[in-house]
Protein backbone atom coordinates (compact mmCIF):
# COMPACT_ATOMS: atom_id res chain seq x y z
CA MET A 1 26.17 -12.78 16.67
CA THR A 2 25.29 -11.16 13.35
CA ASP A 3 23.35 -12.89 10.60
CA SER A 4 24.70 -11.92 7.16
CA ASN A 5 21.10 -11.90 5.83
CA GLN A 6 19.85 -9.62 8.62
CA ARG A 7 18.98 -6.06 7.64
CA ASN A 8 17.39 -3.05 9.29
CA GLY A 9 14.16 -1.47 8.15
CA LEU A 10 11.63 -2.38 5.49
CA ARG A 11 11.92 -2.29 1.72
CA LEU A 12 8.93 -0.31 0.49
CA LEU A 13 7.86 0.21 -3.14
CA SER A 14 5.23 2.82 -3.99
CA PHE A 15 3.67 3.68 -7.34
CA ASP A 16 1.80 6.95 -7.85
CA GLY A 17 -0.79 7.38 -10.58
CA GLY A 18 -0.71 6.17 -14.14
CA GLY A 19 -0.17 7.41 -17.68
CA ILE A 20 3.37 8.37 -18.57
CA ARG A 21 4.30 8.47 -14.87
CA GLY A 22 3.30 4.83 -14.57
CA MET A 23 5.45 3.91 -17.56
CA SER A 24 8.47 5.77 -16.21
CA GLU A 25 7.99 4.11 -12.81
CA LEU A 26 8.07 0.68 -14.46
CA LEU A 27 11.26 1.53 -16.36
CA ILE A 28 12.90 2.75 -13.15
CA LEU A 29 11.74 -0.40 -11.32
CA LYS A 30 13.26 -2.56 -14.06
CA GLU A 31 16.62 -0.82 -13.57
CA ILE A 32 16.39 -1.20 -9.79
CA MET A 33 15.69 -4.92 -10.08
CA GLU A 34 18.58 -5.37 -12.53
CA ARG A 35 20.89 -3.65 -10.03
CA VAL A 36 19.61 -5.87 -7.22
CA ARG A 37 20.42 -8.94 -9.32
CA SER A 38 23.92 -7.64 -10.01
CA GLN A 39 24.74 -6.53 -6.45
CA GLU A 40 23.42 -9.72 -4.85
CA ASN A 41 24.92 -12.00 -7.52
CA LEU A 42 21.58 -13.61 -8.33
CA PRO A 43 21.20 -15.91 -11.36
CA SER A 44 18.15 -13.99 -12.61
CA ILE A 45 16.34 -10.72 -12.00
CA PRO A 46 14.07 -11.12 -8.95
CA LEU A 47 10.41 -10.21 -9.13
CA PRO A 48 9.51 -7.13 -7.05
CA TRP A 49 7.50 -9.19 -4.52
CA GLU A 50 10.61 -11.29 -3.87
CA TYR A 51 12.63 -8.21 -2.84
CA PHE A 52 10.24 -5.63 -1.35
CA ASP A 53 8.44 -6.08 1.97
CA MET A 54 5.46 -3.93 0.97
CA ILE A 55 4.21 -2.68 -2.40
CA GLY A 56 1.42 -0.11 -2.83
CA GLY A 57 0.28 2.85 -4.83
CA THR A 58 -2.50 5.17 -5.92
CA GLY A 59 -4.63 5.33 -9.04
CA THR A 60 -3.44 3.04 -11.81
CA GLY A 61 -0.24 2.55 -9.83
CA GLY A 62 -2.26 0.90 -7.05
């Protein structure tokens, strides 16, 4: 029996540092979350904590 919501592995999100890298990471994350909304037919863009199993980072990104 297979559950349609079952998936393998973990969804990890990692941020590294700050400055312009931090800004570009946020822009990329925004695009990722918009694609998640589209692919999963969600009514609104999910917040990262609603999609990823673990979120971490270093420096300002942490």
